[in-house]
């Protein structure tokens, strides 16, 4: 830096491997593993989403049918009350 020349690269044309290079290699491997895990989890979540959405839709349909039945029965009761009170 201060008047010293640059160190000559080794015969492969790269710096000698040091602790920083080992850290970068481990970090790159860790990141690759995390990405693969995240992709796997997203794939599993998407696979379950179809089944879960279908089950949720079925539950909503059943509840809607019960609500419609309750309204129809309520209307019939009100009609009968008004019919016989007259």
Protein backbone atom coordinates (compact mmCIF):
# COMPACT_ATOMS: atom_id res chain seq x y z
CA UNK A 1 0.00 0.00 0.00
CA UNK A 2 2.68 2.53 1.01
CA UNK A 3 5.22 2.07 -1.68
CA UNK A 4 5.06 -1.69 -1.60
CA UNK A 5 4.34 -3.54 -4.78
CA UNK A 6 1.40 -5.86 -5.12
CA UNK A 7 1.98 -9.42 -4.11
CA UNK A 8 2.43 -11.72 -7.03
CA UNK A 9 -0.49 -14.07 -7.56
CA UNK A 10 0.13 -17.76 -7.07
CA UNK A 11 0.53 -20.07 -10.02
CA UNK A 12 -3.27 -20.42 -10.49
CA UNK A 13 -3.62 -16.67 -10.85
CA UNK A 14 -5.64 -16.32 -7.62
CA UNK A 15 -4.95 -15.36 -4.07
CA UNK A 16 -4.06 -18.14 -1.68
CA UNK A 17 -7.09 -19.55 0.13
CA UNK A 18 -7.56 -17.98 3.52
CA UNK A 19 -10.15 -17.86 6.28
CA UNK A 20 -12.16 -15.21 4.43
CA UNK A 21 -12.44 -17.44 1.35
CA UNK A 22 -13.51 -20.38 3.51
CA UNK A 23 -16.16 -18.18 5.13
CA UNK A 24 -17.45 -17.03 1.75
CA UNK A 25 -17.64 -20.62 0.53
CA UNK A 26 -19.55 -21.73 3.65
CA UNK A 27 -21.84 -18.70 3.38
CA UNK A 28 -22.57 -19.39 -0.29
CA UNK A 29 -23.37 -23.02 0.55
CA UNK A 30 -25.63 -21.92 3.43
CA UNK A 31 -27.51 -19.50 1.19
CA UNK A 32 -27.97 -22.17 -1.47
CA UNK A 33 -29.35 -24.61 1.12
CA UNK A 34 -31.72 -21.94 2.50
CA UNK A 35 -33.00 -21.14 -1.00
CA UNK A 36 -33.60 -24.82 -1.73
CA UNK A 37 -35.45 -25.21 1.59
CA UNK A 38 -37.60 -22.13 0.89
CA UNK A 39 -38.49 -23.41 -2.58
CA UNK A 40 -39.38 -26.82 -1.14
CA UNK A 41 -41.60 -25.22 1.52
CA UNK A 42 -43.36 -23.06 -1.09
CA UNK A 43 -43.95 -26.14 -3.24
CA UNK A 44 -45.43 -28.03 -0.28
CA UNK A 45 -47.62 -25.06 0.66
CA UNK A 46 -48.96 -24.82 -2.88
CA UNK A 47 -49.68 -28.55 -2.93
CA UNK A 48 -51.69 -28.26 0.29
CA UNK A 49 -53.42 -25.10 -0.83
CA UNK A 50 -55.56 -26.94 -3.38
CA UNK A 51 -56.79 -29.47 -0.83
CA UNK A 52 -57.26 -26.86 1.88
CA UNK A 53 -59.11 -24.52 -0.44
CA UNK A 54 -61.40 -27.34 -1.50
CA UNK A 55 -62.18 -28.26 2.12
CA UNK A 56 -62.74 -24.61 3.03
CA UNK A 57 -65.05 -24.16 0.05
CA UNK A 58 -67.02 -27.26 1.05
CA UNK A 59 -67.48 -25.97 4.62
CA UNK A 60 -68.69 -22.62 3.31
CA UNK A 61 -71.19 -24.33 1.00
CA UNK A 62 -72.60 -26.38 3.88
CA UNK A 63 -72.95 -23.29 6.09
CA UNK A 64 -74.59 -21.36 3.26
CA UNK A 65 -77.07 -24.19 2.69
CA UNK A 66 -77.98 -24.18 6.40
CA UNK A 67 -78.40 -20.39 6.35
CA UNK A 68 -80.70 -20.58 3.31
CA UNK A 69 -82.71 -23.36 4.95
CA UNK A 70 -83.07 -21.26 8.12
CA UNK A 71 -84.28 -18.27 6.13
CA UNK A 72 -86.83 -20.35 4.20
CA UNK A 73 -88.15 -21.92 7.41
CA UNK A 74 -88.32 -18.46 9.00
CA UNK A 75 -90.27 -17.08 6.06
CA UNK A 76 -92.70 -20.00 6.20
CA UNK A 77 -93.23 -19.46 9.94
CA UNK A 78 -93.86 -15.73 9.43
CA UNK A 79 -96.27 -16.49 6.56
CA UNK A 80 -98.19 -19.00 8.70
CA UNK A 81 -98.38 -16.57 11.64
CA UNK A 82 -99.68 -13.79 9.41
CA UNK A 83 -102.11 -16.19 7.71
CA UNK A 84 -103.70 -17.43 10.93
CA UNK A 85 -103.66 -14.08 12.80
CA UNK A 86 -105.74 -12.43 10.11
